[in-house]
């Protein structure tokens, strides 16, 4: 290095400095002497010092200084460079089934939800999860208000009837995040959506499917979980807007999971009891939803998803649209990211389509 080179040759600076100072003093103290030019000073220096001194001085320091400057530039470049931008967390739509889904280990959807859960915990590795469930539409409020669970710990809501006693003893360990809930409320307010925080338990639209995707003993969800309501309406554009309002959460690696069913007709279930053959609308409507969701252009996707609700079989597939609205939230939160159906099944008066919007961290590199 340059400083080491100088220490090995202390005369490099000391002797020339003395000669230059003496020469300048001589020229300044004697009017008869004209000021010395730099070449003249160098000529006088050569009378005091050997030529080898100048040869060494003219080469070694320059190369050393060049290296030092280059290194400093490299360090500066490294210091000022920005860290690589993290990919946005994907958005998921779960067809969650009924409260029996967590106990029916032989149902075809069971290993599918397990696989999606492992994908989320092992590949996405989210910092938190925000969930929208078909089973939370605020009551006694207008169609333009959203509620956010801001409790750190809450019980489960057994929002179903007529099932075996052990269904009402189900558990799902989770921890909320008041700070994340507050941030979500702020995002919604900034988007012109009325929102307020409150304490509420997790309904079976969350805990039943999550017990399959994130079984506490094998694949626990060890990050904060915050549930957000739907609107108390069937307006698809409102739910698109709701998804768009929370889209930025994905940039913080927060996974958004929306749960419902792509076909959900409890009324017709009694006619198909004990049979798995799908109703005609279970197939036709689920296929139409897939075609709309997988449109590559986000504006075209929104347009086609709205058109789906005007189909002749729409009210057969969904006498009430609560189980389909979460899919519109997911599409809104996806922004420009494409949607992909990862699995589906047509069973009686239901369809079990699963969707992912956006890429996994290792994809698209």
Protein backbone atom coordinates (compact mmCIF):
# COMPACT_ATOMS: atom_id res chain seq x y z
CA UNK A 1 0.00 0.00 0.00
CA UNK A 2 1.04 3.63 -0.50
CA UNK A 3 1.60 4.43 3.22
CA UNK A 4 3.81 1.33 3.65
CA UNK A 5 5.90 2.36 0.64
CA UNK A 6 6.47 5.81 2.14
CA UNK A 7 7.50 4.40 5.52
CA UNK A 8 10.14 2.27 3.82
CA UNK A 9 11.54 5.43 2.10
CA UNK A 10 11.30 8.33 4.57
CA UNK A 11 13.65 10.44 2.46
CA UNK A 12 11.09 10.49 -0.35
CA UNK A 13 9.39 13.48 1.25
CA UNK A 14 11.96 14.77 3.75
CA UNK A 15 15.04 15.48 1.59
CA UNK A 16 13.23 17.00 -1.41
CA UNK A 17 11.18 19.15 0.91
CA UNK A 18 14.30 20.56 2.60
CA UNK A 19 15.94 21.34 -0.74
CA UNK A 20 12.81 23.04 -2.13
CA UNK A 21 12.35 25.15 0.99
CA UNK A 22 16.01 26.25 0.99
CA UNK A 23 15.84 27.11 -2.70
CA UNK A 24 12.71 29.18 -2.25
CA UNK A 25 14.16 31.00 0.75
CA UNK A 26 17.31 31.80 -1.18
CA UNK A 27 15.36 33.24 -4.08
CA UNK A 28 13.10 35.21 -1.78
CA UNK A 29 15.91 36.62 0.43
CA UNK A 30 18.13 37.77 -2.38
CA UNK A 31 16.76 40.33 -4.86
CA UNK A 32 19.55 39.39 -7.20
CA UNK A 33 18.22 35.92 -7.52
CA UNK A 34 15.24 35.39 -9.74
CA UNK A 35 12.52 33.01 -8.55
CA UNK A 36 13.27 29.42 -9.43
CA UNK A 37 10.99 27.57 -11.75
CA UNK A 38 9.85 24.01 -11.05
CA UNK A 39 12.27 22.52 -13.67
CA UNK A 40 15.12 24.47 -12.07
CA UNK A 41 14.18 23.15 -8.64
CA UNK A 42 14.09 19.59 -9.96
CA UNK A 43 17.51 20.10 -11.57
CA UNK A 44 18.94 21.18 -8.24
CA UNK A 45 17.33 18.20 -6.53
CA UNK A 46 19.15 15.86 -8.91
CA UNK A 47 22.44 17.25 -7.68
CA UNK A 48 21.57 16.07 -4.17
CA UNK A 49 19.85 12.78 -4.89
CA UNK A 50 20.76 9.79 -7.10
CA UNK A 51 18.95 9.09 -10.34
CA UNK A 52 17.66 5.80 -8.95
CA UNK A 53 15.71 7.74 -6.39
CA UNK A 54 13.73 9.51 -9.10
CA UNK A 55 13.20 6.32 -11.07
CA UNK A 56 11.73 4.63 -8.02
CA UNK A 57 9.66 7.64 -7.12
CA UNK A 58 8.23 7.92 -10.60
CA UNK A 59 6.89 4.38 -10.75
CA UNK A 60 6.07 2.71 -7.47
CA UNK A 61 3.84 5.35 -5.89
CA UNK A 62 1.77 5.83 -9.03
CA UNK A 63 0.88 2.17 -9.41
CA UNK A 64 0.17 1.91 -5.72
CA UNK A 65 -2.00 5.00 -5.71
CA UNK A 66 -3.90 3.77 -8.74
CA UNK A 67 -4.66 0.51 -6.97
CA UNK A 68 -5.75 2.36 -3.85
CA UNK A 69 -8.02 4.66 -5.81
CA UNK A 70 -9.54 1.74 -7.66
CA UNK A 71 -10.17 -0.09 -4.40
CA UNK A 72 -11.79 2.98 -2.86
CA UNK A 73 -14.01 3.35 -5.90
CA UNK A 74 -15.01 -0.29 -5.59
CA UNK A 75 -15.84 0.14 -1.91
CA UNK A 76 -17.84 3.27 -2.66
CA UNK A 77 -19.76 1.47 -5.39
CA UNK A 78 -20.53 -1.43 -3.06
CA UNK A 79 -21.65 0.89 -0.29
CA UNK A 80 -24.02 2.93 -2.43
CA UNK A 81 -25.56 0.04 -4.39
CA UNK A 82 -29.15 -0.83 -3.44
CA UNK A 83 -30.03 -4.29 -2.11
CA UNK A 84 -31.96 -6.49 -4.54
CA UNK A 85 -35.69 -5.87 -4.42
CA UNK A 86 -37.65 -8.71 -2.83
CA UNK A 87 -40.32 -10.31 -5.01
CA UNK A 88 -43.92 -9.63 -4.10
CA UNK A 89 -45.65 -12.35 -2.13
CA UNK A 90 -48.25 -14.25 -4.17
CA UNK A 91 -51.99 -14.01 -3.56
CA UNK A 92 -53.96 -17.20 -2.98
CA UNK A 93 -57.58 -18.25 -3.26
CA UNK A 94 -58.52 -21.33 -1.25
CA UNK A 95 -61.72 -23.24 -1.90
CA UNK A 96 -62.01 -24.13 1.76
CA UNK A 97 -64.98 -26.50 1.94
CA UNK A 98 -67.06 -27.03 5.06
CA UNK A 99 -66.01 -27.52 8.68
CA UNK A 100 -65.53 -31.22 7.97
CA UNK A 101 -62.62 -30.59 5.57
CA UNK A 102 -60.04 -30.77 8.35
CA UNK A 103 -61.25 -34.22 9.41
CA UNK A 104 -61.89 -35.76 5.99
CA UNK A 105 -58.34 -36.86 5.22
CA UNK A 106 -59.45 -39.04 2.28
CA UNK A 107 -61.06 -36.19 0.36
CA UNK A 108 -59.04 -35.28 -2.76
CA UNK A 109 -58.70 -31.65 -1.66
CA UNK A 110 -56.93 -32.62 1.56
CA UNK A 111 -53.45 -33.28 0.08
CA UNK A 112 -53.91 -30.32 -2.27
CA UNK A 113 -54.38 -27.87 0.60
CA UNK A 114 -51.47 -29.48 2.42
CA UNK A 115 -49.25 -28.94 -0.61
CA UNK A 116 -50.30 -25.30 -0.96
CA UNK A 117 -49.61 -24.77 2.73
CA UNK A 118 -46.09 -26.14 2.40
CA UNK A 119 -45.56 -23.94 -0.65
CA UNK A 120 -46.44 -20.90 1.44
CA UNK A 121 -44.35 -21.75 4.50
CA UNK A 122 -41.33 -23.21 2.70
CA UNK A 123 -41.11 -21.15 -0.51
CA UNK A 124 -42.96 -17.88 0.05
CA UNK A 125 -41.95 -17.70 3.73
CA UNK A 126 -44.25 -14.73 4.41
CA UNK A 127 -43.66 -12.24 7.20
CA UNK A 128 -47.40 -12.29 7.94
CA UNK A 129 -50.70 -13.48 6.46
CA UNK A 130 -53.80 -11.40 5.80
CA UNK A 131 -56.92 -13.48 5.21
CA UNK A 132 -60.34 -12.65 3.74
CA UNK A 133 -63.04 -15.25 4.41
CA UNK A 134 -66.45 -15.73 2.81
CA UNK A 135 -67.82 -16.11 6.33
CA UNK A 136 -67.22 -12.54 7.48
CA UNK A 137 -69.57 -9.97 6.06
CA UNK A 138 -70.25 -7.35 8.75
CA UNK A 139 -73.84 -7.27 9.99
CA UNK A 140 -75.90 -4.16 10.66
CA UNK A 141 -73.61 -1.94 8.61
CA UNK A 142 -73.84 -0.39 5.19
CA UNK A 143 -72.44 -1.98 2.04
CA UNK A 144 -69.33 0.20 2.12
CA UNK A 145 -67.69 -0.63 5.47
CA UNK A 146 -64.88 -3.05 6.24
CA UNK A 147 -63.91 -4.49 9.61
CA UNK A 148 -60.41 -5.59 10.60
CA UNK A 149 -59.61 -7.92 13.48
CA UNK A 150 -57.07 -5.97 15.53
CA UNK A 151 -56.84 -8.39 18.46
CA UNK A 152 -53.58 -10.13 19.24
CA UNK A 153 -55.32 -13.30 20.46
CA UNK A 154 -58.84 -14.45 19.65
CA UNK A 155 -60.96 -17.56 19.99
CA UNK A 156 -62.53 -19.47 17.13
CA UNK A 157 -66.08 -18.91 15.93
CA UNK A 158 -67.97 -22.15 15.35
CA UNK A 159 -70.28 -20.63 12.75
CA UNK A 160 -71.99 -23.86 11.68
CA UNK A 161 -74.79 -26.10 12.92
CA UNK A 162 -75.66 -29.80 13.08
CA UNK A 163 -72.18 -31.28 13.12
CA UNK A 164 -70.69 -33.83 15.55
CA UNK A 165 -69.62 -32.51 18.99
CA UNK A 166 -65.88 -32.72 18.29
CA UNK A 167 -66.28 -30.19 15.47
CA UNK A 168 -66.99 -27.59 18.17
CA UNK A 169 -63.75 -28.39 19.96
CA UNK A 170 -61.51 -27.62 17.00
CA UNK A 171 -58.52 -25.39 17.66
CA UNK A 172 -56.10 -23.42 15.53
CA UNK A 173 -53.22 -21.57 17.19
CA UNK A 174 -52.68 -18.09 15.81
CA UNK A 175 -51.36 -14.72 16.86
CA UNK A 176 -52.73 -11.46 15.52
CA UNK A 177 -50.93 -8.18 14.99
CA UNK A 178 -52.53 -4.92 16.18
CA UNK A 179 -49.87 -2.93 14.33
CA UNK A 180 -50.52 -4.73 11.03
CA UNK A 181 -54.27 -4.33 11.54
CA UNK A 182 -53.75 -0.59 12.07
CA UNK A 183 -51.67 -0.41 8.89
CA UNK A 184 -54.40 -2.19 6.92
CA UNK A 185 -57.01 0.26 8.22
CA UNK A 186 -54.75 3.11 7.10
CA UNK A 187 -54.40 1.60 3.62
CA UNK A 188 -58.15 1.18 3.31
CA UNK A 189 -58.83 4.72 4.50
CA UNK A 190 -56.32 6.08 1.98
CA UNK A 191 -58.25 4.23 -0.74
CA UNK A 192 -61.52 5.84 0.37
CA UNK A 193 -62.83 2.72 2.11
CA UNK A 194 -64.47 3.06 5.51
CA UNK A 195 -62.73 0.71 7.92
CA UNK A 196 -62.55 0.10 11.64
CA UNK A 197 -60.80 -2.33 13.93
CA UNK A 198 -62.49 -4.68 16.37
CA UNK A 199 -62.03 -7.98 18.15
CA UNK A 200 -63.41 -11.05 16.44
CA UNK A 201 -62.62 -14.76 16.38
CA UNK A 202 -61.51 -16.72 13.33
CA UNK A 203 -64.44 -18.33 11.50
CA UNK A 204 -64.38 -21.77 9.89
CA UNK A 205 -63.67 -20.21 6.50
CA UNK A 206 -60.22 -19.66 7.99
CA UNK A 207 -59.51 -22.31 10.61
CA UNK A 208 -60.99 -25.36 8.85
CA UNK A 209 -58.91 -24.99 5.69
CA UNK A 210 -55.91 -23.62 7.57
CA UNK A 211 -55.83 -26.68 9.81
CA UNK A 212 -55.24 -28.69 6.63
CA UNK A 213 -52.81 -26.27 4.95
CA UNK A 214 -50.97 -25.38 8.15
CA UNK A 215 -51.35 -28.30 10.58
CA UNK A 216 -49.80 -27.09 13.86
CA UNK A 217 -47.83 -30.29 14.42
CA UNK A 218 -46.36 -30.61 10.91
CA UNK A 219 -46.46 -27.26 9.11
CA UNK A 220 -47.33 -24.50 11.60
CA UNK A 221 -48.08 -20.98 10.45
CA UNK A 222 -45.67 -19.17 12.73
CA UNK A 223 -46.32 -15.61 11.58
CA UNK A 224 -48.98 -13.03 12.51
CA UNK A 225 -52.45 -13.68 11.07
CA UNK A 226 -54.94 -10.84 10.56
CA UNK A 227 -58.45 -11.39 9.22
CA UNK A 228 -60.28 -8.71 7.24
CA UNK A 229 -63.97 -8.78 6.39
CA UNK A 230 -65.70 -8.62 3.04
CA UNK A 231 -68.16 -5.89 2.19
CA UNK A 232 -71.75 -6.61 3.13
CA UNK A 233 -72.62 -6.71 -0.56
CA UNK A 234 -72.28 -8.71 -3.76
CA UNK A 235 -70.66 -5.86 -5.67
CA UNK A 236 -67.65 -7.29 -7.54
CA UNK A 237 -66.08 -3.89 -8.24
CA UNK A 238 -66.14 -2.98 -4.55
CA UNK A 239 -64.30 -6.18 -3.76
CA UNK A 240 -61.80 -5.56 -6.56
CA UNK A 241 -61.14 -2.17 -4.98
CA UNK A 242 -60.73 -3.79 -1.57
CA UNK A 243 -58.03 -6.06 -2.97
CA UNK A 244 -56.30 -3.19 -4.75
CA UNK A 245 -56.21 -1.21 -1.51
CA UNK A 246 -54.10 -3.85 0.25
CA UNK A 247 -51.96 -4.77 -2.74
CA UNK A 248 -48.88 -3.01 -1.31
CA UNK A 249 -48.77 -5.49 1.58
CA UNK A 250 -47.29 -7.98 -0.86
CA UNK A 251 -44.18 -5.81 -1.22
CA UNK A 252 -43.55 -6.46 2.49
CA UNK A 253 -43.75 -10.22 1.81
CA UNK A 254 -47.17 -10.41 3.44
CA UNK A 255 -49.21 -13.20 1.86
CA UNK A 256 -52.86 -12.49 1.09
CA UNK A 257 -55.14 -15.53 1.26
CA UNK A 258 -58.79 -15.31 0.24
CA UNK A 259 -61.08 -18.22 1.08
CA UNK A 260 -64.43 -19.24 -0.40
CA UNK A 261 -65.60 -21.68 -3.10
CA UNK A 262 -65.79 -21.29 -6.87
CA UNK A 263 -69.17 -23.06 -6.81
CA UNK A 264 -71.17 -23.19 -3.58
CA UNK A 265 -74.82 -24.20 -3.50
CA UNK A 266 -75.91 -25.56 -0.12
CA UNK A 267 -79.53 -25.55 -1.20
CA UNK A 268 -78.92 -28.19 -3.87
CA UNK A 269 -76.62 -30.23 -1.67
CA UNK A 270 -79.59 -32.12 -0.23
CA UNK A 271 -80.54 -33.34 -3.71
CA UNK A 272 -77.03 -34.64 -4.30
CA UNK A 273 -76.53 -36.11 -0.83
CA UNK A 274 -74.45 -39.27 -1.05
CA UNK A 275 -73.56 -38.68 -4.70
CA UNK A 276 -70.42 -37.09 -6.05
CA UNK A 277 -71.60 -36.52 -9.63
CA UNK A 278 -71.41 -32.80 -10.29
CA UNK A 279 -74.37 -30.66 -11.09
CA UNK A 280 -74.12 -29.28 -14.65
CA UNK A 281 -73.57 -25.75 -13.36
CA UNK A 282 -70.69 -26.90 -11.14
CA UNK A 283 -68.71 -27.69 -14.27
CA UNK A 284 -69.86 -24.89 -16.57
CA UNK A 285 -69.55 -22.07 -14.06
CA UNK A 286 -66.21 -23.23 -12.67
CA UNK A 287 -64.82 -23.40 -16.21
CA UNK A 288 -66.10 -19.90 -16.96
CA UNK A 289 -64.45 -18.55 -13.81
CA UNK A 290 -61.14 -20.15 -14.81
CA UNK A 291 -61.26 -18.59 -18.27
CA UNK A 292 -61.94 -15.16 -16.77
CA UNK A 293 -59.34 -15.33 -14.00
CA UNK A 294 -56.57 -16.54 -16.31
CA UNK A 295 -56.90 -13.59 -18.71
CA UNK A 296 -53.33 -12.23 -19.02
CA UNK A 297 -54.39 -8.57 -19.17
CA UNK A 298 -55.56 -7.35 -15.72
CA UNK A 299 -58.19 -4.99 -17.12
CA UNK A 300 -59.56 -7.73 -19.36
CA UNK A 301 -59.54 -10.06 -16.36
CA UNK A 302 -61.62 -7.64 -14.33
CA UNK A 303 -64.05 -7.16 -17.21
CA UNK A 304 -64.48 -10.90 -17.77
CA UNK A 305 -64.84 -11.65 -14.06
CA UNK A 306 -67.66 -9.13 -13.82
CA UNK A 307 -69.34 -10.70 -16.85
CA UNK A 308 -69.24 -14.12 -15.18
CA UNK A 309 -71.78 -12.93 -12.61
CA UNK A 310 -74.27 -12.24 -15.40
CA UNK A 311 -74.22 -15.78 -16.73
CA UNK A 312 -77.45 -17.79 -16.68
CA UNK A 313 -75.87 -20.38 -14.37
CA UNK A 314 -74.39 -17.84 -11.93
CA UNK A 315 -77.27 -17.98 -9.43
CA UNK A 316 -77.31 -21.74 -9.61
CA UNK A 317 -73.63 -21.85 -8.78
CA UNK A 318 -73.99 -19.20 -6.08
CA UNK A 319 -77.47 -18.47 -4.69
CA UNK A 320 -75.54 -15.95 -2.56
CA UNK A 321 -72.27 -14.56 -3.88
CA UNK A 322 -70.45 -14.45 -0.53
CA UNK A 323 -68.24 -17.44 -1.39
CA UNK A 324 -67.18 -15.96 -4.72
CA UNK A 325 -66.41 -12.39 -3.61
CA UNK A 326 -63.06 -13.38 -2.03
CA UNK A 327 -61.84 -14.34 -5.50
CA UNK A 328 -62.47 -10.76 -6.64
CA UNK A 329 -60.46 -9.47 -3.70
CA UNK A 330 -57.62 -11.79 -4.72
CA UNK A 331 -57.72 -10.56 -8.33
CA UNK A 332 -57.66 -6.95 -7.15
CA UNK A 333 -54.70 -7.58 -4.85
CA UNK A 334 -52.88 -9.30 -7.72
CA UNK A 335 -52.57 -6.09 -9.72
CA UNK A 336 -50.85 -6.92 -12.99
CA UNK A 337 -49.83 -10.41 -11.86
CA UNK A 338 -51.49 -13.29 -13.67
CA UNK A 339 -53.85 -15.73 -12.03
CA UNK A 340 -53.47 -19.47 -12.42
CA UNK A 341 -55.81 -22.27 -11.44
CA UNK A 342 -53.60 -24.80 -9.70
CA UNK A 343 -56.28 -27.44 -9.07
CA UNK A 344 -60.02 -28.00 -9.23
CA UNK A 345 -62.64 -30.64 -8.63
CA UNK A 346 -66.35 -30.73 -9.43
CA UNK A 347 -68.37 -32.45 -6.75
CA UNK A 348 -72.16 -32.37 -6.47
CA UNK A 349 -73.16 -28.70 -6.07
CA UNK A 350 -69.61 -27.51 -5.38
CA UNK A 351 -66.39 -26.70 -7.21
CA UNK A 352 -63.05 -26.69 -5.40
CA UNK A 353 -60.81 -24.54 -7.59
CA UNK A 354 -57.57 -23.28 -6.06
CA UNK A 355 -55.80 -20.21 -7.49
CA UNK A 356 -52.48 -18.47 -7.14
CA UNK A 357 -51.78 -14.97 -8.44
CA UNK A 358 -48.17 -13.99 -8.99
CA UNK A 359 -44.97 -15.98 -9.04
CA UNK A 360 -43.17 -17.96 -6.41
CA UNK A 361 -39.81 -16.47 -5.33
CA UNK A 362 -37.70 -18.80 -7.49
CA UNK A 363 -39.87 -18.41 -10.61
CA UNK A 364 -39.45 -15.84 -13.35
CA UNK A 365 -35.76 -15.31 -12.69
